[in-house]
Amino acid sequence: MPISKFQELPGSGSSFSPSLSMGMVALSDAIFMALSGVGIYLFYVGYSAASLPHYLTAFILGTLFIFLTFFFSKLYQFEAVIHLGLHVTKVTFLCTLVFMILVALGFALKISTSYSRIWFFSWALAAPIMILFGRFFCFYLLHRLVKAGHLTRNIVLLGGTEQAVKVLQQIENAAEPWNHIVGVFDDRSTRLSEDMGNYPILGTLVDLVDFSRKNRVDDVVIALPWSADLRLSGIVADLSELPVNIHLGPDMAGLLFPNRSFCFLGGMPMLDVADKPMGGWNMILKMIEDRFLAFFLLILLSPVMLVVAVCIKLESPGSVLFIQRRYGFNNQEFSVFKFRSMRQDRPPEEGVPQATKDDPRVTRIGAFLRRTSIDELPQLFNVLTGNMSLVGPRPHAVQHNKEYAAKIDGYFTRHKVKPGITGWAQVNGLRGETDTLEKMEGRVKFDLYYIENWSLAFDIKILAMTALVVFFQKTAY
């Protein structure tokens, strides 16, 4: 809850540390991952000197893989710790992925016969349950300690400016119960804003130093304009003797971009205003996912694609494939492949009119292909060549792209990643004809959410939902 009245500083409480909280959760994951396997081993297999080294290796590898997988999936970030309910599916999926890796290792090293199958699958079922139990317990314990006042973060602001008011509002809006705003200090009483609310003005910089020596202050936020560089340098020098965290609050320009992180470039701190999506390891993971699954699906679906090609040739003259120029990654044009679903001998058309219900241009086999999205299968070749991904914003025809870019703000943001055969918008009902601007705005909204929240688990979820959508949704013509 936001604190708007001055209270005495907690005397018996400890300083709240997000890093310690995240470390506690990481330790909990390791303990419950290992204990779930050890418990089932002792109960079902039974201890023996001969089998222990094999099972001990599995315990260690499984625990290490869980930690690394969770770490690179950002499950040890503070946001994931305090919003556990939003990450239950992700934790479960990644646990399943780790056990699939262990199975693959067992077969590759020809040691799978050294382990009990009942033990392994029991461990695979118990591990995510135990890990989630441990995380919920850590979450509960953390909030109980904070609510009882045993874990707090005492914060004071230096500077009674309009900038300080914005910082206070941002801290209040975050509603983090461990944050205890003590009050405001400022050397210039004439500069104090009238919007400081009920936060007390406790004195000057000299008073702040004296106050911090007599009370437990964890953080001092300097809410002064960055242009006052000499003044800021002197303040930091005066406060550096205190056992507190000193923060330079965001300038008014920085307040336009809340919830952003900092990085170092050339040894200088930089505010990250926008991030490149799917960079680093995520880009490699996405590439492996696309290539592996596209190759597997092409082999699996090749008989279906062969039958479709024959049916297209038998019903109407013309080519089997339809090739169209579309915009892809970084707004670059590329050729997208589809099974032809319209008559090739139709009259000339102006522009690129979208297909509608009972469209006379669509062949009988084409109507089935479009309804079931089988006409999109040749785009697996686009995935293999690197022009597309399995999951991403759907690419639009060049003419449509230019039309909607002029009408929808942020439309071209869709091109920050490769386009996909299916996407988050499509499995949420925005598939097929976009006959109104509102429908396209809805597509863009879902596409941007996907880009900002991408994960491997999110892709798998969309692929699974796609299988249901193509059979039960009737909006593609």
Protein backbone atom coordinates (compact mmCIF):
# COMPACT_ATOMS: atom_id res chain seq x y z
CA MET A 1 0.00 0.00 0.00
CA PRO A 2 1.26 3.54 -0.63
CA ILE A 3 2.48 5.34 2.48
CA SER A 4 1.47 8.99 2.65
CA LYS A 5 2.09 9.83 6.30
CA PHE A 6 5.33 10.08 8.20
CA GLN A 7 5.90 7.21 10.59
CA GLU A 8 8.77 6.42 12.92
CA LEU A 9 11.45 4.36 11.29
CA PRO A 10 11.22 0.65 12.09
CA GLY A 11 13.70 -0.11 14.82
CA SER A 12 13.74 -3.92 14.79
CA GLY A 13 13.26 -4.51 11.06
CA SER A 14 15.91 -5.42 8.53
CA SER A 15 16.67 -3.76 5.23
CA PHE A 16 14.73 -5.29 2.34
CA SER A 17 16.95 -6.60 -0.46
CA PRO A 18 15.51 -7.76 -3.81
CA SER A 19 18.74 -9.61 -4.62
CA LEU A 20 18.54 -11.63 -1.38
CA SER A 21 14.90 -12.44 -2.12
CA MET A 22 15.81 -13.71 -5.58
CA GLY A 23 18.69 -15.72 -4.13
CA MET A 24 16.31 -17.29 -1.64
CA VAL A 25 14.02 -18.41 -4.48
CA ALA A 26 16.97 -19.82 -6.49
CA LEU A 27 18.08 -21.81 -3.45
CA SER A 28 14.51 -23.05 -2.95
CA ASP A 29 14.34 -24.24 -6.59
CA ALA A 30 17.61 -26.18 -6.23
CA ILE A 31 16.60 -27.76 -2.92
CA PHE A 32 13.14 -28.89 -4.04
CA MET A 33 14.39 -30.09 -7.44
CA ALA A 34 17.01 -32.29 -5.78
CA LEU A 35 14.88 -33.39 -2.83
CA SER A 36 11.97 -34.51 -5.01
CA GLY A 37 14.34 -36.82 -6.93
CA VAL A 38 16.15 -38.04 -3.80
CA GLY A 39 12.89 -38.70 -1.95
CA ILE A 40 11.44 -40.85 -4.73
CA TYR A 41 14.79 -42.63 -5.13
CA LEU A 42 14.91 -43.61 -1.45
CA PHE A 43 11.23 -44.55 -1.37
CA TYR A 44 10.98 -46.54 -4.62
CA VAL A 45 14.49 -47.60 -5.71
CA GLY A 46 16.09 -47.80 -2.29
CA TYR A 47 19.63 -46.88 -1.32
CA SER A 48 22.49 -48.96 -2.67
CA ALA A 49 26.18 -48.16 -3.08
CA ALA A 50 26.09 -49.42 -6.68
CA SER A 51 23.21 -47.23 -7.90
CA LEU A 52 23.90 -44.09 -5.89
CA PRO A 53 26.60 -42.61 -8.22
CA HIS A 54 24.26 -42.89 -11.24
CA TYR A 55 21.34 -41.28 -9.46
CA LEU A 56 23.55 -38.65 -7.82
CA THR A 57 24.73 -37.58 -11.29
CA ALA A 58 21.10 -37.22 -12.40
CA PHE A 59 20.26 -35.13 -9.31
CA ILE A 60 23.17 -32.77 -9.93
CA LEU A 61 22.57 -32.41 -13.69
CA GLY A 62 18.82 -31.93 -13.24
CA THR A 63 19.33 -29.25 -10.59
CA LEU A 64 21.98 -27.48 -12.66
CA PHE A 65 19.79 -27.53 -15.79
CA ILE A 66 16.81 -26.17 -13.87
CA PHE A 67 18.87 -23.30 -12.49
CA LEU A 68 20.37 -22.39 -15.88
CA THR A 69 17.06 -22.70 -17.71
CA PHE A 70 15.23 -20.56 -15.16
CA PHE A 71 18.07 -18.03 -15.13
CA PHE A 72 18.13 -17.52 -18.90
CA SER A 73 14.30 -17.44 -18.96
CA LYS A 74 14.41 -14.56 -16.44
CA LEU A 75 12.59 -16.47 -13.71
CA TYR A 76 15.08 -15.14 -11.16
CA GLN A 77 14.28 -11.53 -11.90
CA PHE A 78 12.51 -9.78 -9.08
CA GLU A 79 9.32 -9.26 -11.11
CA ALA A 80 9.01 -13.03 -11.61
CA VAL A 81 9.46 -13.61 -7.86
CA ILE A 82 6.78 -11.19 -6.69
CA HIS A 83 4.31 -12.03 -9.50
CA LEU A 84 4.55 -15.80 -9.24
CA GLY A 85 0.98 -16.46 -10.38
CA LEU A 86 1.84 -15.15 -13.86
CA HIS A 87 4.69 -17.65 -14.30
CA VAL A 88 3.18 -21.00 -13.21
CA THR A 89 2.81 -22.20 -16.81
CA LYS A 90 6.33 -21.08 -17.67
CA VAL A 91 7.84 -22.92 -14.68
CA THR A 92 5.93 -26.10 -15.56
CA PHE A 93 6.93 -25.96 -19.23
CA LEU A 94 10.62 -25.37 -18.49
CA CYS A 95 10.68 -28.25 -15.99
CA THR A 96 9.24 -30.51 -18.68
CA LEU A 97 11.87 -29.25 -21.12
CA VAL A 98 14.69 -30.05 -18.66
CA PHE A 99 13.48 -33.62 -18.20
CA MET A 100 13.25 -34.06 -21.97
CA ILE A 101 16.90 -32.98 -22.14
CA LEU A 102 17.78 -35.53 -19.45
CA VAL A 103 16.01 -38.24 -21.46
CA ALA A 104 17.94 -37.26 -24.58
CA LEU A 105 21.23 -37.33 -22.67
CA GLY A 106 20.41 -40.75 -21.24
CA PHE A 107 19.83 -42.22 -24.69
CA ALA A 108 22.78 -40.42 -26.28
CA LEU A 109 25.18 -41.69 -23.61
CA LYS A 110 23.52 -45.15 -23.55
CA ILE A 111 22.97 -45.01 -19.77
CA SER A 112 19.17 -44.88 -19.67
CA THR A 113 18.99 -48.54 -18.58
CA SER A 114 20.84 -47.59 -15.38
CA TYR A 115 17.75 -45.75 -14.13
CA SER A 116 14.28 -46.80 -13.09
CA ARG A 117 11.69 -45.46 -15.53
CA ILE A 118 9.06 -45.22 -12.79
CA TRP A 119 11.51 -43.22 -10.68
CA PHE A 120 12.32 -40.86 -13.57
CA PHE A 121 8.74 -40.10 -14.60
CA SER A 122 7.67 -39.77 -10.97
CA TRP A 123 10.47 -37.25 -10.49
CA ALA A 124 9.39 -35.42 -13.66
CA LEU A 125 5.86 -35.07 -12.24
CA ALA A 126 6.91 -34.21 -8.69
CA ALA A 127 9.66 -31.67 -9.50
CA PRO A 128 7.51 -28.83 -10.93
CA ILE A 129 4.94 -29.32 -8.15
CA MET A 130 7.63 -29.14 -5.46
CA ILE A 131 9.39 -26.19 -7.12
CA LEU A 132 6.13 -24.23 -7.33
CA PHE A 133 5.39 -25.14 -3.70
CA GLY A 134 8.79 -23.78 -2.68
CA ARG A 135 8.26 -20.58 -4.66
CA PHE A 136 4.81 -20.02 -3.17
CA PHE A 137 6.25 -20.58 0.30
CA CYS A 138 9.04 -18.03 -0.34
CA PHE A 139 6.45 -15.60 -1.71
CA TYR A 140 4.23 -16.08 1.36
CA LEU A 141 7.13 -15.77 3.80
CA LEU A 142 8.41 -12.64 2.09
CA HIS A 143 5.04 -10.90 2.28
CA ARG A 144 4.49 -11.95 5.89
CA LEU A 145 7.85 -10.48 6.91
CA VAL A 146 7.14 -7.28 5.00
CA LYS A 147 3.64 -6.96 6.44
CA ALA A 148 4.97 -7.47 9.97
CA GLY A 149 7.56 -4.74 9.41
CA HIS A 150 10.55 -7.07 9.62
CA LEU A 151 11.63 -6.29 6.05
CA THR A 152 11.42 -2.68 4.94
CA ARG A 153 13.26 -0.24 2.72
CA ASN A 154 13.46 3.25 4.23
CA ILE A 155 13.66 5.88 1.48
CA VAL A 156 14.28 9.63 1.71
CA LEU A 157 14.26 12.17 -1.11
CA LEU A 158 16.64 15.08 -1.46
CA GLY A 159 14.99 17.85 -3.42
CA GLY A 160 11.48 19.24 -3.11
CA THR A 161 11.05 19.90 -6.80
CA GLU A 162 8.39 18.98 -9.32
CA GLN A 163 10.76 16.21 -10.29
CA ALA A 164 10.55 14.86 -6.71
CA VAL A 165 6.75 14.89 -6.90
CA LYS A 166 6.87 12.68 -10.02
CA VAL A 167 9.31 10.30 -8.31
CA LEU A 168 7.04 10.03 -5.26
CA GLN A 169 4.03 9.35 -7.47
CA GLN A 170 5.92 6.63 -9.34
CA ILE A 171 6.93 4.92 -6.08
CA GLU A 172 3.35 5.15 -4.79
CA ASN A 173 1.88 3.76 -8.01
CA ALA A 174 4.22 0.76 -7.81
CA ALA A 175 2.49 -0.08 -4.49
CA GLU A 176 5.40 -2.16 -3.21
CA PRO A 177 4.66 -2.65 0.51
CA TRP A 178 8.31 -2.85 1.59
CA ASN A 179 9.01 0.71 0.42
CA HIS A 180 8.69 3.18 3.32
CA ILE A 181 8.99 6.79 2.22
CA VAL A 182 10.35 8.65 5.25
CA GLY A 183 10.26 12.23 4.00
CA VAL A 184 11.92 14.96 1.95
CA PHE A 185 15.03 17.08 2.56
CA ASP A 186 15.89 20.27 0.67
CA ASP A 187 18.30 23.15 1.20
CA ARG A 188 16.00 25.66 -0.47
CA SER A 189 12.63 26.12 1.17
CA THR A 190 11.48 28.40 -1.64
CA ARG A 191 11.80 25.57 -4.13
CA LEU A 192 9.49 23.17 -2.30
CA SER A 193 6.56 22.04 -4.41
CA GLU A 194 3.05 22.48 -3.05
CA ASP A 195 2.24 18.92 -4.17
CA MET A 196 4.45 17.08 -1.69
CA GLY A 197 1.28 15.71 -0.08
CA ASN A 198 1.62 14.46 3.48
CA TYR A 199 5.31 13.66 3.23
CA PRO A 200 7.14 15.74 5.82
CA ILE A 201 9.91 18.19 5.00
CA LEU A 202 12.62 17.09 7.43
CA GLY A 203 15.35 19.67 6.85
CA THR A 204 18.41 20.41 4.76
CA LEU A 205 21.29 18.34 3.40
CA VAL A 206 23.13 18.77 6.73
CA ASP A 207 20.01 17.51 8.53
CA LEU A 208 19.86 14.53 6.16
CA VAL A 209 23.41 13.48 7.07
CA ASP A 210 22.64 13.78 10.78
CA PHE A 211 19.29 12.00 10.38
CA SER A 212 20.90 9.08 8.52
CA ARG A 213 23.47 8.62 11.30
CA LYS A 214 20.73 8.32 13.93
CA ASN A 215 18.24 6.25 11.93
CA ARG A 216 18.35 3.37 9.49
CA VAL A 217 18.06 4.92 6.05
CA ASP A 218 18.48 2.49 3.16
CA ASP A 219 18.11 4.69 0.09
CA VAL A 220 18.60 8.35 -0.69
CA VAL A 221 17.08 9.50 -3.98
CA ILE A 222 18.49 12.79 -5.25
CA ALA A 223 15.59 14.38 -7.15
CA LEU A 224 17.36 17.35 -8.71
CA PRO A 225 17.84 18.35 -12.37
CA TRP A 226 20.80 16.61 -13.99
CA SER A 227 21.92 19.94 -15.42
CA ALA A 228 23.02 21.00 -11.91
CA ASP A 229 26.14 18.87 -12.30
CA LEU A 230 28.38 20.73 -9.84
CA ARG A 231 25.66 20.73 -7.19
CA LEU A 232 25.03 17.01 -7.71
CA SER A 233 28.72 16.22 -7.44
CA GLY A 234 28.96 18.03 -4.10
CA ILE A 235 25.86 16.30 -2.71
CA VAL A 236 27.13 12.84 -3.67
CA ALA A 237 30.47 13.63 -2.01
CA ASP A 238 28.69 14.64 1.23
CA LEU A 239 26.45 11.54 1.21
CA SER A 240 29.11 9.03 0.20
CA GLU A 241 30.28 8.79 3.81
CA LEU A 242 26.91 7.33 4.85
CA PRO A 243 26.04 3.58 4.76
CA VAL A 244 23.17 4.15 2.30
CA ASN A 245 22.36 3.47 -1.35
CA ILE A 246 22.55 6.75 -3.28
CA HIS A 247 20.40 7.06 -6.39
CA LEU A 248 20.29 9.86 -8.91
CA GLY A 249 16.58 10.12 -9.60
CA PRO A 250 15.47 10.39 -13.23
CA ASP A 251 15.46 13.81 -14.80
CA MET A 252 12.13 15.08 -16.15
CA ALA A 253 13.03 13.56 -19.52
CA GLY A 254 13.80 10.24 -17.84
CA LEU A 255 10.38 10.25 -16.16
CA LEU A 256 8.82 9.99 -19.62
CA PHE A 257 10.21 6.44 -19.83
CA PRO A 258 9.34 4.66 -16.52
CA ASN A 259 10.12 1.00 -15.87
CA ARG A 260 13.26 1.09 -18.01
CA SER A 261 16.66 -0.30 -17.08
CA PHE A 262 20.18 1.08 -17.38
CA CYS A 263 23.17 -0.31 -19.22
CA PHE A 264 26.79 0.70 -19.63
CA LEU A 265 28.13 1.82 -22.98
CA GLY A 266 31.77 2.87 -23.13
CA GLY A 267 31.82 2.84 -19.34
CA MET A 268 28.93 5.35 -19.16
CA PRO A 269 25.46 4.58 -17.74
CA MET A 270 22.74 4.76 -20.38
CA LEU A 271 18.96 4.65 -19.98
CA ASP A 272 17.48 1.79 -22.04
CA VAL A 273 14.52 3.50 -23.69
CA ALA A 274 13.79 0.64 -26.12
CA ASP A 275 15.24 -2.87 -26.38
CA LYS A 276 16.02 -4.92 -29.44
CA PRO A 277 13.60 -7.86 -29.22
CA MET A 278 14.90 -11.42 -29.18
CA GLY A 279 18.57 -10.49 -28.96
CA GLY A 280 21.50 -12.54 -27.66
CA TRP A 281 20.67 -16.09 -26.63
CA ASN A 282 16.97 -15.55 -27.33
CA MET A 283 17.77 -14.96 -31.00
CA ILE A 284 19.74 -18.23 -31.17
CA LEU A 285 16.99 -20.12 -29.33
CA LYS A 286 14.37 -18.75 -31.70
CA MET A 287 16.48 -19.71 -34.74
CA ILE A 288 16.95 -23.28 -33.47
CA GLU A 289 13.23 -23.57 -32.73
CA ASP A 290 12.29 -22.38 -36.23
CA ARG A 291 14.76 -24.52 -38.16
CA PHE A 292 14.22 -27.70 -36.17
CA LEU A 293 10.41 -27.59 -36.08
CA ALA A 294 10.09 -26.43 -39.71
CA PHE A 295 12.28 -29.31 -40.92
CA PHE A 296 10.36 -31.80 -38.76
CA LEU A 297 6.96 -30.49 -39.94
CA LEU A 298 8.00 -30.59 -43.59
CA ILE A 299 8.92 -34.26 -43.29
CA LEU A 300 5.75 -35.05 -41.32
CA LEU A 301 3.39 -33.12 -43.61
CA SER A 302 5.00 -33.84 -46.99
CA PRO A 303 2.35 -36.47 -47.90
CA VAL A 304 -0.42 -33.96 -47.15
CA MET A 305 1.32 -31.28 -49.21
CA LEU A 306 1.72 -33.69 -52.13
CA VAL A 307 -2.00 -34.57 -52.08
CA VAL A 308 -2.94 -30.87 -51.90
CA ALA A 309 -0.73 -30.08 -54.90
CA VAL A 310 -2.41 -32.82 -56.96
CA CYS A 311 -5.92 -31.60 -55.97
CA ILE A 312 -5.08 -28.02 -56.97
CA LYS A 313 -3.84 -29.11 -60.41
CA LEU A 314 -6.89 -31.33 -60.97
CA GLU A 315 -9.46 -28.63 -60.13
CA SER A 316 -8.15 -25.62 -62.04
CA PRO A 317 -5.32 -24.80 -64.45
CA GLY A 318 -2.33 -22.86 -63.21
CA SER A 319 0.56 -23.18 -60.82
CA VAL A 320 0.35 -25.02 -57.53
CA LEU A 321 2.01 -22.24 -55.54
CA PHE A 322 0.99 -18.62 -55.18
CA ILE A 323 3.90 -16.24 -54.64
CA GLN A 324 3.32 -12.75 -53.29
CA ARG A 325 5.62 -9.93 -52.19
CA ARG A 326 5.21 -8.96 -48.55
CA TYR A 327 7.05 -6.96 -45.92
CA GLY A 328 9.11 -8.88 -43.37
CA PHE A 329 11.84 -8.23 -40.83
CA ASN A 330 12.99 -4.59 -40.68
CA ASN A 331 10.38 -3.70 -43.30
CA GLN A 332 12.25 -5.58 -46.05
CA GLU A 333 10.29 -7.12 -48.92
CA PHE A 334 10.40 -10.88 -49.52
CA SER A 335 8.43 -13.51 -51.46
CA VAL A 336 5.98 -15.54 -49.40
CA PHE A 337 4.82 -18.99 -50.61
CA LYS A 338 1.26 -20.32 -50.36
CA PHE A 339 -0.79 -23.02 -52.02
CA ARG A 340 -2.88 -21.37 -54.72
CA SER A 341 -6.48 -21.13 -53.52
CA MET A 342 -7.97 -18.84 -56.21
CA ARG A 343 -8.62 -19.24 -59.91
CA GLN A 344 -5.65 -18.10 -61.90
CA ASP A 345 -7.77 -17.21 -64.97
CA ARG A 346 -9.92 -14.64 -63.08
CA PRO A 347 -10.35 -11.09 -64.51
CA PRO A 348 -7.68 -8.47 -63.69
CA GLU A 349 -8.11 -6.80 -60.29
CA GLU A 350 -7.30 -3.38 -58.98
CA GLY A 351 -5.02 -3.52 -55.95
CA VAL A 352 -4.99 -6.58 -53.68
CA PRO A 353 -8.58 -7.13 -52.50
CA GLN A 354 -8.86 -9.45 -49.48
CA ALA A 355 -10.87 -12.66 -49.73
CA THR A 356 -14.42 -12.51 -48.36
CA LYS A 357 -17.08 -15.06 -47.47
CA ASP A 358 -18.31 -17.00 -50.54
CA ASP A 359 -15.69 -15.24 -52.67
CA PRO A 360 -16.24 -16.41 -56.29
CA ARG A 361 -12.49 -16.22 -56.96
CA VAL A 362 -11.80 -19.03 -54.45
CA THR A 363 -11.84 -22.61 -55.76
CA ARG A 364 -13.55 -25.45 -53.89
CA ILE A 365 -10.28 -26.96 -52.73
CA GLY A 366 -9.04 -23.41 -52.07
CA ALA A 367 -11.93 -22.70 -49.67
CA PHE A 368 -10.99 -25.77 -47.65
CA LEU A 369 -7.31 -24.89 -47.69
CA ARG A 370 -7.95 -21.33 -46.49
CA ARG A 371 -10.41 -22.38 -43.77
CA THR A 372 -7.94 -24.91 -42.35
CA SER A 373 -4.84 -22.78 -43.06
CA ILE A 374 -3.32 -25.66 -45.04
CA ASP A 375 -2.62 -23.10 -47.78
CA GLU A 376 0.05 -21.64 -45.46
CA LEU A 377 2.13 -24.85 -45.28
CA PRO A 378 4.58 -23.88 -48.07
CA GLN A 379 5.70 -21.06 -45.79
CA LEU A 380 7.69 -23.71 -43.94
CA PHE A 381 10.19 -23.21 -46.78
CA ASN A 382 10.21 -19.50 -45.92
CA VAL A 383 11.08 -20.47 -42.35
CA LEU A 384 13.93 -22.72 -43.47
CA THR A 385 15.38 -19.98 -45.68
CA GLY A 386 15.22 -17.49 -42.81
CA ASN A 387 12.60 -15.09 -44.18
CA MET A 388 9.94 -16.09 -41.63
CA SER A 389 9.45 -17.71 -38.23
CA LEU A 390 6.89 -20.29 -37.21
CA VAL A 391 5.39 -17.77 -34.79
CA GLY A 392 5.31 -14.00 -35.25
CA PRO A 393 3.20 -11.16 -36.67
CA ARG A 394 1.53 -12.23 -39.90
CA PRO A 395 3.06 -10.54 -42.99
CA HIS A 396 0.68 -8.38 -44.96
CA ALA A 397 0.63 -7.65 -48.68
CA VAL A 398 2.77 -4.65 -49.66
CA GLN A 399 -0.23 -2.50 -50.57
CA HIS A 400 -2.07 -3.32 -47.33
CA ASN A 401 1.07 -2.63 -45.33
CA LYS A 402 1.40 0.89 -46.71
CA GLU A 403 -2.32 1.56 -46.28
CA TYR A 404 -2.47 0.59 -42.61
CA ALA A 405 0.89 2.14 -41.69
CA ALA A 406 -0.61 5.54 -42.54
CA LYS A 407 -3.63 4.92 -40.30
CA ILE A 408 -2.26 3.05 -37.23
CA ASP A 409 0.41 4.49 -34.95
CA GLY A 410 3.27 2.08 -34.28
CA TYR A 411 2.21 -0.23 -37.12
CA PHE A 412 5.77 -0.73 -38.40
CA THR A 413 6.84 -1.92 -34.93
CA ARG A 414 5.53 -5.31 -36.07
CA HIS A 415 8.61 -5.55 -38.30
CA LYS A 416 11.07 -5.57 -35.41
CA VAL A 417 10.91 -9.39 -35.61
CA LYS A 418 10.47 -11.87 -38.44
CA PRO A 419 6.87 -12.48 -39.56
CA GLY A 420 5.28 -15.79 -38.64
CA ILE A 421 3.08 -18.47 -40.15
CA THR A 422 0.86 -18.10 -37.09
CA GLY A 423 0.76 -15.52 -34.33
CA TRP A 424 -0.74 -14.34 -31.05
CA ALA A 425 -3.33 -12.25 -32.91
CA GLN A 426 -4.49 -15.21 -35.02
CA VAL A 427 -5.10 -17.54 -32.06
CA ASN A 428 -7.07 -14.77 -30.34
CA GLY A 429 -9.69 -14.56 -33.05
CA LEU A 430 -8.04 -12.02 -35.37
CA ARG A 431 -7.57 -14.40 -38.28
CA GLY A 432 -8.77 -13.94 -41.84
CA GLU A 433 -10.42 -10.86 -43.29
CA THR A 434 -9.67 -7.47 -41.70
CA ASP A 435 -12.55 -5.49 -43.19
CA THR A 436 -12.45 -2.71 -40.57
CA LEU A 437 -9.68 -0.53 -39.15
CA GLU A 438 -10.58 -1.72 -35.64
CA LYS A 439 -9.78 -5.32 -36.56
CA MET A 440 -6.36 -4.36 -37.88
CA GLU A 441 -5.70 -2.24 -34.78
CA GLY A 442 -6.55 -5.31 -32.72
CA ARG A 443 -4.05 -7.37 -34.71
CA VAL A 444 -1.32 -4.80 -34.18
CA LYS A 445 -2.06 -4.68 -30.44
CA PHE A 446 -1.67 -8.45 -30.08
CA ASP A 447 1.44 -8.47 -32.29
CA LEU A 448 3.16 -5.84 -30.14
CA TYR A 449 2.27 -7.77 -26.99
CA TYR A 450 3.90 -10.87 -28.48
CA ILE A 451 7.07 -8.98 -29.38
CA GLU A 452 7.39 -7.49 -25.89
CA ASN A 453 6.68 -10.77 -24.08
CA TRP A 454 8.34 -13.39 -26.27
CA SER A 455 9.57 -16.63 -24.77
CA LEU A 456 10.01 -20.18 -26.00
CA ALA A 457 7.11 -21.28 -23.82
CA PHE A 458 4.94 -18.53 -25.36
CA ASP A 459 5.74 -19.84 -28.86
CA ILE A 460 4.84 -23.41 -27.91
CA LYS A 461 1.57 -22.19 -26.41
CA ILE A 462 0.68 -20.34 -29.63
CA LEU A 463 1.54 -23.35 -31.80
CA ALA A 464 -0.69 -25.58 -29.62
CA MET A 465 -3.55 -23.04 -29.75
CA THR A 466 -3.17 -22.77 -33.54
CA ALA A 467 -4.09 -26.44 -33.95
CA LEU A 468 -7.40 -25.75 -32.18
CA VAL A 469 -8.11 -22.46 -33.94
CA VAL A 470 -7.81 -23.77 -37.51
CA PHE A 471 -10.42 -26.45 -36.86
CA PHE A 472 -12.94 -24.51 -34.79
CA GLN A 473 -12.68 -20.92 -36.03
CA LYS A 474 -14.53 -19.91 -39.17
CA THR A 475 -13.21 -16.41 -39.92
CA ALA A 476 -10.78 -17.28 -42.72
CA TYR A 477 -12.26 -17.26 -46.22
